[in-house]
Amino acid sequence: MSTILVEAPGSAQRVWQVEKAQVTEKVRWHVLQTKSRQEKMLAESLGARGIQCFLPLVDVQRVYGGRRAKVELPLFPGYLFIQGTLEDVYMADRTKRVARVISVFDQQRLAEELNSVKLALQGAEAGTGFDPFPYLKCGIRVEVISGPMRGVRGVIEDRRKRDRLILQVDVLGRATSLEVDSALLTPIGEF
């Protein structure tokens, strides 16, 4: 028996349903690579047809027109996990939102890894601190991509909160520190 993880699409809040089911020859896990920004719509469409799917979402702060907004983005952009028959996969493909179907050879391992993702996200919702910007570490060179400081480059000096960090910038031969929103930064070069 493996654990099936389903996020109820279309609901205002996240609802996790955990059910027990057997992975049989007909009912298997499949990974769907979606067309650009189609993950939520495909999950909604499949959920309405009763097809079990897993789309982990994370809350991320974004800045639009100078205003901060909290948006839910897929943890794995471009991918949706479904458990069903080949007919369910064909039905998903007929929505014109699927770019490619990826076969899963190790069904048990995928179920265990998805369960780990589910537990990590539940812990984050409980306040244990899921980091939506794990690549922004101390010592990494970054550039501000939006806002009044757009184009400023510097080195991450400290991370005060998960969505705010201290950026060290050299100005006129002197180093100064700025507090910057993590959503406004992109790494420069390799990280």
Protein backbone atom coordinates (compact mmCIF):
# COMPACT_ATOMS: atom_id res chain seq x y z
CA MET A 1 0.00 0.00 0.00
CA SER A 2 1.15 3.52 -0.74
CA THR A 3 -0.13 6.88 0.32
CA ILE A 4 -2.09 8.94 -2.18
CA LEU A 5 -1.86 12.66 -1.66
CA VAL A 6 -4.57 14.89 -3.05
CA GLU A 7 -4.83 18.63 -2.78
CA ALA A 8 -8.38 19.71 -3.31
CA PRO A 9 -8.22 22.20 -6.19
CA GLY A 10 -10.54 25.15 -6.36
CA SER A 11 -10.88 25.55 -2.61
CA ALA A 12 -10.10 28.81 -0.86
CA GLN A 13 -7.86 27.06 1.63
CA ARG A 14 -5.61 24.06 1.26
CA VAL A 15 -7.27 20.79 2.08
CA TRP A 16 -5.06 17.74 2.34
CA GLN A 17 -6.70 14.37 1.91
CA VAL A 18 -4.62 11.31 2.62
CA GLU A 19 -6.08 8.05 1.46
CA LYS A 20 -4.70 4.54 1.34
CA ALA A 21 -4.79 2.71 -1.97
CA GLN A 22 -2.90 0.05 -3.78
CA VAL A 23 -0.77 0.79 -6.78
CA THR A 24 -1.91 -1.84 -9.25
CA GLU A 25 -1.12 -2.54 -12.86
CA LYS A 26 -3.93 -0.19 -13.91
CA VAL A 27 -3.73 2.50 -11.21
CA ARG A 28 -0.27 4.06 -11.11
CA TRP A 29 1.46 7.35 -10.40
CA HIS A 30 2.18 9.53 -13.43
CA VAL A 31 4.03 12.83 -13.69
CA LEU A 32 2.59 15.34 -16.10
CA GLN A 33 4.80 18.10 -17.43
CA THR A 34 2.37 20.92 -18.06
CA LYS A 35 2.45 23.75 -20.51
CA SER A 36 3.59 27.05 -19.03
CA ARG A 37 1.54 28.18 -16.00
CA GLN A 38 -1.15 25.54 -16.48
CA GLU A 39 -0.61 23.49 -13.29
CA LYS A 40 -3.52 24.87 -11.24
CA MET A 41 -5.98 24.83 -14.13
CA LEU A 42 -5.10 21.23 -14.98
CA ALA A 43 -5.43 20.18 -11.32
CA GLU A 44 -8.86 21.85 -11.16
CA SER A 45 -9.97 20.16 -14.37
CA LEU A 46 -8.80 16.72 -13.25
CA GLY A 47 -10.23 17.15 -9.76
CA ALA A 48 -13.63 17.97 -11.26
CA ARG A 49 -13.44 14.67 -13.15
CA GLY A 50 -12.55 12.75 -9.98
CA ILE A 51 -8.93 12.08 -10.92
CA GLN A 52 -6.64 12.13 -7.89
CA CYS A 53 -3.78 14.59 -8.23
CA PHE A 54 -1.10 16.23 -6.13
CA LEU A 55 -0.03 19.82 -6.71
CA PRO A 56 2.00 21.19 -3.79
CA LEU A 57 1.70 24.97 -3.50
CA VAL A 58 3.80 27.44 -1.49
CA ASP A 59 2.97 30.99 -0.44
CA VAL A 60 5.40 33.50 -1.92
CA GLN A 61 5.50 37.27 -1.52
CA ARG A 62 5.58 39.12 -4.85
CA VAL A 63 5.66 42.81 -5.68
CA TYR A 64 3.24 44.06 -8.33
CA GLY A 65 3.12 47.78 -9.10
CA GLY A 66 4.84 48.65 -5.84
CA ARG A 67 2.42 46.56 -3.75
CA ARG A 68 3.22 43.34 -1.97
CA ALA A 69 0.95 40.40 -2.63
CA LYS A 70 0.98 36.85 -1.33
CA VAL A 71 0.52 34.33 -4.14
CA GLU A 72 0.39 30.55 -4.20
CA LEU A 73 2.87 29.08 -6.65
CA PRO A 74 3.59 25.44 -7.45
CA LEU A 75 6.54 24.01 -5.53
CA PHE A 76 7.49 22.16 -8.73
CA PRO A 77 6.66 24.61 -11.53
CA GLY A 78 5.50 22.84 -14.66
CA TYR A 79 4.69 19.50 -13.02
CA LEU A 80 1.57 17.80 -11.70
CA PHE A 81 1.44 14.35 -10.10
CA ILE A 82 -1.60 12.19 -10.71
CA GLN A 83 -2.55 8.69 -9.70
CA GLY A 84 -4.81 6.90 -12.09
CA THR A 85 -5.17 4.69 -15.09
CA LEU A 86 -3.83 5.28 -18.57
CA GLU A 87 -7.32 6.45 -19.48
CA ASP A 88 -7.00 9.18 -16.82
CA VAL A 89 -3.67 10.20 -18.35
CA TYR A 90 -5.24 10.35 -21.81
CA MET A 91 -8.08 12.44 -20.40
CA ALA A 92 -5.53 14.86 -18.91
CA ASP A 93 -3.71 15.02 -22.23
CA ARG A 94 -6.94 15.88 -24.04
CA THR A 95 -7.23 19.09 -21.96
CA LYS A 96 -4.42 20.56 -24.13
CA ARG A 97 -2.61 21.62 -20.92
CA VAL A 98 -0.09 18.75 -20.88
CA ALA A 99 3.24 19.06 -22.68
CA ARG A 100 4.57 15.60 -21.82
CA VAL A 101 3.79 12.52 -19.73
CA ILE A 102 6.71 11.18 -17.70
CA SER A 103 6.70 7.51 -16.77
CA VAL A 104 7.34 6.58 -13.13
CA PHE A 105 9.24 3.32 -12.81
CA ASP A 106 9.64 3.27 -9.00
CA GLN A 107 6.08 3.81 -7.80
CA GLN A 108 6.84 3.25 -4.11
CA ARG A 109 9.73 5.72 -4.06
CA LEU A 110 7.65 8.47 -5.69
CA ALA A 111 4.82 7.89 -3.19
CA GLU A 112 7.31 8.17 -0.29
CA GLU A 113 8.88 11.34 -1.71
CA LEU A 114 5.48 12.98 -2.27
CA ASN A 115 4.55 12.08 1.29
CA SER A 116 7.76 13.79 2.49
CA VAL A 117 6.84 16.91 0.50
CA LYS A 118 3.35 16.86 2.03
CA LEU A 119 4.76 16.60 5.55
CA ALA A 120 7.26 19.41 4.91
CA LEU A 121 4.51 21.71 3.62
CA GLN A 122 2.25 20.87 6.55
CA GLY A 123 5.14 21.75 8.87
CA ALA A 124 5.60 25.04 7.04
CA GLU A 125 1.91 25.86 7.47
CA ALA A 126 2.30 25.13 11.18
CA GLY A 127 5.09 27.72 11.32
CA THR A 128 8.26 25.63 11.23
CA GLY A 129 9.66 27.81 8.45
CA PHE A 130 9.63 26.61 4.87
CA ASP A 131 12.05 28.75 2.85
CA PRO A 132 10.73 29.72 -0.60
CA PHE A 133 14.17 31.15 -1.51
CA PRO A 134 16.67 28.44 -0.42
CA TYR A 135 19.25 29.51 -3.01
CA LEU A 136 19.60 32.96 -1.37
CA LYS A 137 22.36 32.18 1.14
CA CYS A 138 24.96 34.34 2.82
CA GLY A 139 27.85 35.18 0.49
CA ILE A 140 25.86 34.84 -2.76
CA ARG A 141 26.08 37.72 -5.27
CA VAL A 142 22.65 39.00 -6.25
CA GLU A 143 20.97 41.77 -8.22
CA VAL A 144 17.76 43.62 -7.38
CA ILE A 145 15.33 42.99 -10.27
CA SER A 146 12.43 45.26 -9.30
CA GLY A 147 11.57 48.35 -7.32
CA PRO A 148 13.44 51.61 -6.71
CA MET A 149 16.79 49.81 -6.25
CA ARG A 150 16.52 47.89 -9.53
CA GLY A 151 19.94 47.05 -10.93
CA VAL A 152 21.78 47.32 -7.59
CA ARG A 153 24.20 44.46 -7.07
CA GLY A 154 25.61 43.19 -3.84
CA VAL A 155 26.39 40.24 -1.59
CA ILE A 156 23.94 38.68 0.85
CA GLU A 157 25.27 39.46 4.32
CA ASP A 158 22.53 38.12 6.61
CA ARG A 159 19.01 36.68 6.55
CA ARG A 160 16.89 38.33 9.23
CA LYS A 161 13.60 36.71 8.25
CA ARG A 162 12.69 34.15 5.61
CA ASP A 163 11.44 36.85 3.21
CA ARG A 164 13.87 39.68 4.15
CA LEU A 165 17.65 39.77 4.01
CA ILE A 166 20.54 42.15 4.48
CA LEU A 167 22.38 43.00 1.27
CA GLN A 168 25.91 44.45 1.39
CA VAL A 169 26.47 46.98 -1.40
CA ASP A 170 29.64 48.90 -2.30
CA VAL A 171 28.83 52.55 -2.95
CA LEU A 172 31.62 55.02 -3.79
CA GLY A 173 34.26 52.74 -2.31
CA ARG A 174 32.36 52.20 0.96
CA ALA A 175 30.29 49.21 1.98
CA THR A 176 26.75 49.81 3.15
CA SER A 177 23.98 47.43 4.11
CA LEU A 178 20.39 47.46 2.89
CA GLU A 179 17.38 45.42 3.98
CA VAL A 180 15.75 43.96 0.86
CA ASP A 181 12.74 41.76 0.13
CA SER A 182 13.89 38.30 -1.07
CA ALA A 183 11.30 38.28 -3.86
CA LEU A 184 13.12 41.21 -5.51
CA LEU A 185 16.47 39.42 -5.88
CA THR A 186 17.99 37.10 -8.43
CA PRO A 187 21.39 35.39 -8.14
CA ILE A 188 24.22 36.52 -10.40
CA GLY A 189 26.42 33.80 -11.91
CA GLU A 190 26.66 30.34 -10.36
CA PHE A 191 25.28 29.57 -6.94
